N, C-alpha and C. Protein backbone atom coordinates (compact mmCIF):
# COMPACT_ATOMS: atom_id res chain seq x y z
N MET A 1 108.85 203.71 7.25
CA MET A 1 108.65 202.82 8.46
C MET A 1 108.51 201.29 8.01
N ALA A 2 107.89 201.09 6.89
CA ALA A 2 107.73 199.73 6.45
C ALA A 2 109.15 199.22 6.16
N ARG A 3 110.03 200.00 5.68
CA ARG A 3 111.44 199.53 5.39
C ARG A 3 112.12 199.11 6.72
N SER A 4 112.00 199.89 7.72
CA SER A 4 112.67 199.60 9.01
C SER A 4 112.07 198.28 9.61
N THR A 5 110.80 198.10 9.40
CA THR A 5 110.21 196.87 9.95
C THR A 5 110.76 195.70 9.19
N MET A 6 110.94 195.79 7.89
CA MET A 6 111.44 194.69 7.03
C MET A 6 112.87 194.47 7.40
N ASP A 7 113.66 195.49 7.61
CA ASP A 7 115.06 195.42 8.02
C ASP A 7 115.13 194.71 9.37
N PHE A 8 114.29 195.13 10.28
CA PHE A 8 114.21 194.57 11.58
C PHE A 8 113.89 192.99 11.50
N SER A 9 112.95 192.70 10.71
CA SER A 9 112.46 191.33 10.53
C SER A 9 113.58 190.49 9.84
N GLN A 10 114.23 191.02 8.92
CA GLN A 10 115.35 190.37 8.16
C GLN A 10 116.50 190.12 9.11
N HIS A 11 116.85 191.12 9.89
CA HIS A 11 118.00 191.02 10.85
C HIS A 11 117.70 190.00 11.85
N TYR A 12 116.55 189.95 12.39
CA TYR A 12 116.26 188.90 13.46
C TYR A 12 116.10 187.48 12.84
N THR A 13 115.68 187.47 11.68
CA THR A 13 115.40 186.19 10.98
C THR A 13 116.87 185.59 10.73
N GLU A 14 117.91 186.43 10.31
CA GLU A 14 119.23 185.99 10.11
C GLU A 14 119.77 185.53 11.40
N ARG A 15 119.56 186.32 12.44
CA ARG A 15 120.12 185.89 13.79
C ARG A 15 119.44 184.60 14.25
N ALA A 16 118.22 184.40 14.00
CA ALA A 16 117.58 183.13 14.38
C ALA A 16 118.22 181.92 13.57
N VAL A 17 118.51 182.22 12.26
CA VAL A 17 119.14 181.16 11.46
C VAL A 17 120.42 180.89 12.04
N GLN A 18 121.25 181.92 12.37
CA GLN A 18 122.59 181.63 12.99
C GLN A 18 122.51 180.90 14.28
N ALA A 19 121.60 181.27 15.15
CA ALA A 19 121.37 180.58 16.35
C ALA A 19 121.03 179.06 16.14
N THR A 20 120.17 178.83 15.14
CA THR A 20 119.72 177.55 14.83
C THR A 20 120.96 176.66 14.37
N ASN A 21 121.79 177.24 13.52
CA ASN A 21 123.02 176.64 13.02
C ASN A 21 123.97 176.32 14.16
N TRP A 22 124.13 177.31 15.06
CA TRP A 22 125.01 177.09 16.19
C TRP A 22 124.51 175.95 17.09
N MET A 23 123.24 175.97 17.32
CA MET A 23 122.62 174.86 18.17
C MET A 23 122.75 173.52 17.55
N GLY A 24 122.67 173.48 16.11
CA GLY A 24 122.85 172.21 15.43
C GLY A 24 124.29 171.72 15.59
N ILE A 25 125.30 172.67 15.52
CA ILE A 25 126.65 172.22 15.68
C ILE A 25 126.94 171.71 17.08
N ILE A 26 126.38 172.34 18.12
CA ILE A 26 126.49 171.84 19.48
C ILE A 26 125.88 170.47 19.70
N ALA A 27 124.68 170.40 19.08
CA ALA A 27 123.98 169.10 19.20
C ALA A 27 124.77 168.02 18.54
N GLU A 28 125.34 168.22 17.39
CA GLU A 28 126.10 167.23 16.65
C GLU A 28 127.38 166.85 17.55
N GLN A 29 128.07 167.90 18.11
CA GLN A 29 129.18 167.52 19.03
C GLN A 29 128.78 166.70 20.21
N ASN A 30 127.70 167.10 20.81
CA ASN A 30 127.11 166.27 21.94
C ASN A 30 126.81 164.81 21.51
N LEU A 31 126.27 164.67 20.38
CA LEU A 31 125.91 163.32 19.85
C LEU A 31 127.25 162.54 19.60
N ASN A 32 128.25 163.15 19.04
CA ASN A 32 129.47 162.48 18.81
C ASN A 32 130.16 162.11 20.09
N GLN A 33 130.20 162.97 21.10
CA GLN A 33 130.77 162.68 22.41
C GLN A 33 129.85 161.57 23.09
N SER A 34 128.59 161.53 22.97
CA SER A 34 127.79 160.52 23.55
C SER A 34 128.12 159.21 22.94
N LYS A 35 128.15 159.20 21.55
CA LYS A 35 128.47 157.95 20.91
C LYS A 35 129.87 157.40 21.29
N ALA A 36 130.86 158.30 21.42
CA ALA A 36 132.18 157.79 21.79
C ALA A 36 132.13 157.22 23.21
N ALA A 37 131.44 157.94 24.18
CA ALA A 37 131.30 157.43 25.46
C ALA A 37 130.58 156.08 25.56
N LEU A 38 129.51 155.85 24.83
CA LEU A 38 128.87 154.56 24.76
C LEU A 38 129.74 153.51 24.17
N GLU A 39 130.43 153.89 23.17
CA GLU A 39 131.35 152.89 22.53
C GLU A 39 132.47 152.47 23.51
N GLY A 40 133.01 153.42 24.26
CA GLY A 40 133.96 153.14 25.33
C GLY A 40 133.34 152.27 26.32
N LEU A 41 132.15 152.50 26.71
CA LEU A 41 131.45 151.66 27.70
C LEU A 41 131.24 150.24 27.20
N LEU A 42 130.88 150.12 25.95
CA LEU A 42 130.76 148.79 25.37
C LEU A 42 132.08 148.07 25.34
N THR A 43 133.12 148.73 24.98
CA THR A 43 134.43 148.15 24.92
C THR A 43 134.85 147.65 26.34
N PHE A 44 134.65 148.56 27.35
CA PHE A 44 134.95 148.21 28.77
C PHE A 44 134.13 147.03 29.18
N THR A 45 132.85 146.96 28.87
CA THR A 45 132.04 145.88 29.24
C THR A 45 132.46 144.52 28.51
N ARG A 46 132.84 144.65 27.29
CA ARG A 46 133.27 143.44 26.55
C ARG A 46 134.53 142.90 27.19
N ASN A 47 135.54 143.84 27.47
CA ASN A 47 136.79 143.38 28.10
C ASN A 47 136.57 142.84 29.50
N ALA A 48 135.72 143.44 30.24
CA ALA A 48 135.48 142.95 31.62
C ALA A 48 134.84 141.59 31.54
N LEU A 49 133.87 141.37 30.66
CA LEU A 49 133.19 140.14 30.48
C LEU A 49 134.11 139.03 30.04
N ARG A 50 135.02 139.40 29.14
CA ARG A 50 136.05 138.39 28.69
C ARG A 50 136.86 137.88 29.88
N SER A 51 137.29 138.87 30.61
CA SER A 51 138.15 138.53 31.82
C SER A 51 137.40 137.65 32.81
N VAL A 52 136.15 138.03 33.07
CA VAL A 52 135.30 137.22 34.00
C VAL A 52 135.06 135.83 33.42
N ASP A 53 134.82 135.77 32.14
CA ASP A 53 134.54 134.54 31.48
C ASP A 53 135.79 133.59 31.61
N GLN A 54 137.01 134.16 31.37
CA GLN A 54 138.27 133.42 31.45
C GLN A 54 138.42 132.92 32.95
N GLN A 55 138.18 133.77 33.87
CA GLN A 55 138.34 133.43 35.24
C GLN A 55 137.31 132.37 35.69
N SER A 56 136.08 132.47 35.22
CA SER A 56 135.12 131.44 35.58
C SER A 56 135.50 130.14 34.95
N SER A 57 135.96 130.13 33.75
CA SER A 57 136.39 128.93 33.07
C SER A 57 137.57 128.20 33.91
N ALA A 58 138.54 129.07 34.22
CA ALA A 58 139.57 128.55 35.03
C ALA A 58 139.14 127.98 36.38
N ILE A 59 138.25 128.66 36.98
CA ILE A 59 137.72 128.15 38.36
C ILE A 59 136.97 126.84 38.16
N CYS A 60 136.17 126.77 37.02
CA CYS A 60 135.47 125.50 36.72
C CYS A 60 136.32 124.30 36.48
N ASP A 61 137.46 124.63 35.63
CA ASP A 61 138.45 123.61 35.43
C ASP A 61 139.09 123.23 36.73
N HIS A 62 139.45 124.19 37.53
CA HIS A 62 140.07 123.81 38.85
C HIS A 62 139.21 122.99 39.71
N SER A 63 137.97 123.28 39.78
CA SER A 63 136.98 122.60 40.58
C SER A 63 136.82 121.14 40.09
N ILE A 64 136.80 120.94 38.76
CA ILE A 64 136.75 119.62 38.28
C ILE A 64 137.97 118.85 38.52
N ALA A 65 139.13 119.47 38.52
CA ALA A 65 140.39 118.79 38.87
C ALA A 65 140.39 118.33 40.29
N VAL A 66 139.88 119.23 41.24
CA VAL A 66 139.73 118.87 42.59
C VAL A 66 138.80 117.66 42.84
N ALA A 67 137.67 117.70 42.13
CA ALA A 67 136.65 116.57 42.25
C ALA A 67 137.31 115.28 41.74
N GLU A 68 138.11 115.32 40.63
CA GLU A 68 138.74 114.19 40.09
C GLU A 68 139.75 113.55 41.12
N GLN A 69 140.51 114.43 41.73
CA GLN A 69 141.56 114.03 42.70
C GLN A 69 140.91 113.48 43.95
N THR A 70 139.74 114.02 44.42
CA THR A 70 139.10 113.57 45.52
C THR A 70 138.48 112.19 45.25
N LEU A 71 137.93 112.01 44.09
CA LEU A 71 137.36 110.74 43.70
C LEU A 71 138.44 109.67 43.69
N SER A 72 139.64 110.07 43.09
CA SER A 72 140.76 109.17 42.97
C SER A 72 141.24 108.67 44.35
N ASN A 73 141.38 109.71 45.16
CA ASN A 73 141.76 109.36 46.61
C ASN A 73 140.71 108.44 47.31
N SER A 74 139.42 108.67 47.05
CA SER A 74 138.29 107.92 47.67
C SER A 74 138.40 106.47 47.21
N PHE A 75 138.58 106.27 45.85
CA PHE A 75 138.59 104.95 45.33
C PHE A 75 139.88 104.15 45.78
N ASP A 76 141.01 104.93 45.87
CA ASP A 76 142.24 104.33 46.36
C ASP A 76 141.99 103.81 47.78
N PHE A 77 141.37 104.65 48.57
CA PHE A 77 141.05 104.31 49.99
C PHE A 77 140.22 103.08 50.01
N ALA A 78 139.13 103.07 49.22
CA ALA A 78 138.25 101.92 49.18
C ALA A 78 138.96 100.67 48.83
N HIS A 79 139.85 100.71 47.79
CA HIS A 79 140.60 99.45 47.46
C HIS A 79 141.49 98.98 48.58
N LYS A 80 142.13 99.93 49.31
CA LYS A 80 142.98 99.55 50.38
C LYS A 80 142.13 98.99 51.55
N VAL A 81 140.90 99.49 51.80
CA VAL A 81 140.07 98.95 52.85
C VAL A 81 139.71 97.59 52.67
N ILE A 82 139.37 97.29 51.36
CA ILE A 82 138.96 95.99 50.95
C ILE A 82 140.07 94.88 51.30
N ARG A 83 141.37 95.33 51.21
CA ARG A 83 142.45 94.41 51.42
C ARG A 83 142.98 94.34 52.89
N VAL A 84 142.28 95.10 53.79
CA VAL A 84 142.76 95.21 55.19
C VAL A 84 142.63 93.85 55.81
N LYS A 85 143.76 93.54 56.59
CA LYS A 85 143.78 92.22 57.36
C LYS A 85 143.77 92.42 58.82
N GLU A 86 144.21 93.64 59.36
CA GLU A 86 144.19 93.82 60.73
C GLU A 86 143.49 95.14 61.04
N PRO A 87 142.89 95.33 62.27
CA PRO A 87 142.32 96.62 62.58
C PRO A 87 143.31 97.86 62.60
N GLN A 88 144.51 97.55 63.01
CA GLN A 88 145.46 98.62 63.06
C GLN A 88 145.77 99.16 61.61
N GLU A 89 145.72 98.27 60.68
CA GLU A 89 146.02 98.61 59.28
C GLU A 89 144.81 99.55 58.78
N LEU A 90 143.63 99.30 59.20
CA LEU A 90 142.48 100.14 58.75
C LEU A 90 142.69 101.52 59.34
N ALA A 91 143.06 101.59 60.62
CA ALA A 91 143.28 102.96 61.20
C ALA A 91 144.38 103.70 60.48
N GLN A 92 145.46 103.04 60.10
CA GLN A 92 146.49 103.73 59.39
C GLN A 92 145.98 104.22 58.01
N ILE A 93 145.26 103.34 57.29
CA ILE A 93 144.78 103.65 55.98
C ILE A 93 143.84 104.86 56.05
N GLN A 94 142.94 104.86 57.05
CA GLN A 94 142.00 105.92 57.22
C GLN A 94 142.72 107.22 57.61
N SER A 95 143.76 107.14 58.41
CA SER A 95 144.54 108.29 58.74
C SER A 95 145.25 108.94 57.55
N ASP A 96 145.87 108.03 56.71
CA ASP A 96 146.47 108.47 55.53
C ASP A 96 145.45 109.08 54.46
N PHE A 97 144.32 108.58 54.38
CA PHE A 97 143.27 109.09 53.54
C PHE A 97 142.83 110.49 53.93
N VAL A 98 142.56 110.59 55.23
CA VAL A 98 142.10 111.90 55.80
C VAL A 98 143.21 113.00 55.59
N SER A 99 144.46 112.57 55.81
CA SER A 99 145.63 113.47 55.62
C SER A 99 145.70 113.97 54.16
N ARG A 100 145.57 112.99 53.26
CA ARG A 100 145.70 113.28 51.80
C ARG A 100 144.61 114.26 51.36
N GLN A 101 143.33 113.95 51.88
CA GLN A 101 142.17 114.77 51.53
C GLN A 101 142.32 116.20 52.13
N ALA A 102 142.81 116.25 53.39
CA ALA A 102 142.98 117.57 54.01
C ALA A 102 144.18 118.37 53.22
N GLN A 103 145.24 117.67 52.85
CA GLN A 103 146.24 118.38 52.12
C GLN A 103 145.69 118.81 50.77
N LEU A 104 144.95 117.96 50.08
CA LEU A 104 144.36 118.34 48.78
C LEU A 104 143.50 119.58 48.96
N ILE A 105 142.58 119.53 49.90
CA ILE A 105 141.72 120.62 50.08
C ILE A 105 142.36 121.99 50.40
N GLY A 106 143.47 121.84 51.27
CA GLY A 106 144.20 122.93 51.69
C GLY A 106 144.91 123.57 50.49
N ASP A 107 145.58 122.71 49.73
CA ASP A 107 146.36 123.17 48.51
C ASP A 107 145.41 123.81 47.49
N GLN A 108 144.30 123.12 47.26
CA GLN A 108 143.25 123.66 46.36
C GLN A 108 142.64 124.96 46.73
N THR A 109 142.40 125.10 48.03
CA THR A 109 141.82 126.31 48.49
C THR A 109 142.78 127.44 48.37
N LYS A 110 144.05 127.19 48.59
CA LYS A 110 145.08 128.24 48.47
C LYS A 110 145.15 128.64 47.02
N GLU A 111 145.19 127.65 46.09
CA GLU A 111 145.37 127.94 44.65
C GLU A 111 144.11 128.66 44.17
N LEU A 112 142.92 128.23 44.59
CA LEU A 112 141.69 128.89 44.19
C LEU A 112 141.74 130.38 44.66
N GLY A 113 142.17 130.57 45.89
CA GLY A 113 142.25 131.94 46.35
C GLY A 113 143.17 132.81 45.54
N GLN A 114 144.24 132.26 45.09
CA GLN A 114 145.28 132.98 44.33
C GLN A 114 144.65 133.28 42.90
N ARG A 115 143.91 132.32 42.39
CA ARG A 115 143.32 132.51 40.99
C ARG A 115 142.24 133.58 41.19
N MET A 116 141.47 133.59 42.21
CA MET A 116 140.44 134.57 42.39
C MET A 116 141.04 135.95 42.52
N MET A 117 142.13 136.15 43.24
CA MET A 117 142.82 137.41 43.42
C MET A 117 143.35 137.89 42.05
N GLN A 118 143.88 136.91 41.33
CA GLN A 118 144.41 137.26 39.93
C GLN A 118 143.21 137.68 39.12
N GLY A 119 142.08 137.08 39.16
CA GLY A 119 140.96 137.39 38.45
C GLY A 119 140.44 138.83 38.75
N VAL A 120 140.42 139.13 40.03
CA VAL A 120 139.97 140.43 40.56
C VAL A 120 141.02 141.52 39.95
N GLN A 121 142.30 141.13 39.93
CA GLN A 121 143.24 142.19 39.44
C GLN A 121 143.00 142.35 37.96
N GLU A 122 142.73 141.29 37.20
CA GLU A 122 142.55 141.36 35.77
C GLU A 122 141.30 142.17 35.47
N VAL A 123 140.21 141.90 36.16
CA VAL A 123 138.96 142.74 36.00
C VAL A 123 139.17 144.17 36.35
N ALA A 124 139.96 144.47 37.40
CA ALA A 124 140.27 145.81 37.70
C ALA A 124 141.08 146.48 36.55
N LYS A 125 142.01 145.78 36.02
CA LYS A 125 142.83 146.23 34.89
C LYS A 125 142.01 146.53 33.68
N ALA A 126 141.16 145.62 33.42
CA ALA A 126 140.21 145.81 32.29
C ALA A 126 139.33 146.96 32.45
N THR A 127 138.86 147.19 33.72
CA THR A 127 137.99 148.36 34.06
C THR A 127 138.78 149.64 33.84
N GLN A 128 139.96 149.70 34.28
CA GLN A 128 140.76 150.82 34.18
C GLN A 128 141.06 151.14 32.67
N GLU A 129 141.39 150.14 31.94
CA GLU A 129 141.73 150.35 30.56
C GLU A 129 140.47 150.83 29.78
N GLY A 130 139.33 150.24 30.08
CA GLY A 130 138.02 150.65 29.47
C GLY A 130 137.72 152.11 29.84
N THR A 131 137.96 152.47 31.10
CA THR A 131 137.67 153.79 31.46
C THR A 131 138.51 154.77 30.71
N GLU A 132 139.77 154.50 30.61
CA GLU A 132 140.73 155.38 29.96
C GLU A 132 140.36 155.47 28.48
N GLU A 133 140.11 154.28 27.80
CA GLU A 133 139.69 154.36 26.46
C GLU A 133 138.48 155.22 26.25
N SER A 134 137.49 155.04 27.10
CA SER A 134 136.23 155.76 27.03
C SER A 134 136.54 157.28 27.19
N ARG A 135 137.40 157.67 28.05
CA ARG A 135 137.71 159.04 28.28
C ARG A 135 138.45 159.62 27.07
N ARG A 136 139.29 158.88 26.43
CA ARG A 136 140.03 159.35 25.24
C ARG A 136 139.06 159.50 24.11
N ARG A 137 138.11 158.57 23.89
CA ARG A 137 137.19 158.67 22.87
C ARG A 137 136.30 159.93 23.04
N SER A 138 135.87 160.10 24.30
CA SER A 138 135.05 161.22 24.58
C SER A 138 135.81 162.53 24.31
N GLU A 139 137.11 162.58 24.68
CA GLU A 139 137.84 163.84 24.45
C GLU A 139 138.05 164.04 22.89
N ALA A 140 138.30 162.94 22.21
CA ALA A 140 138.50 163.01 20.73
C ALA A 140 137.29 163.59 20.03
N ALA A 141 136.13 163.18 20.54
CA ALA A 141 134.87 163.55 19.86
C ALA A 141 134.52 165.07 20.20
């Protein structure tokens, strides 16, 4: 009877060791998949931030260019006003100035809208690429 108890204990000890080994393998696979998924997330985040940074830089440059053009138009207007000799001439100068400013704002608004749409598309593309890369890494792990 002592022998069967020892056999019983040894048998279940071996099974417990096997189960422990099996759980260790599963845990390692899960860790590898988690690491791959997080690396994919970091890659995705990095790409998205680069795209956003490029877009914000372009928008900033664009905004400065608009401000420069607006100031140039304003100083040009001021110089012309100083040289006005007749009231009709002032009305024409003011009308030209308002038209130029309206045209500038309209053109710049249109261009800014296009740049923003391009930026949204680039961020969406970076998001898709990051998601696909994350999925591939997770599958590979």
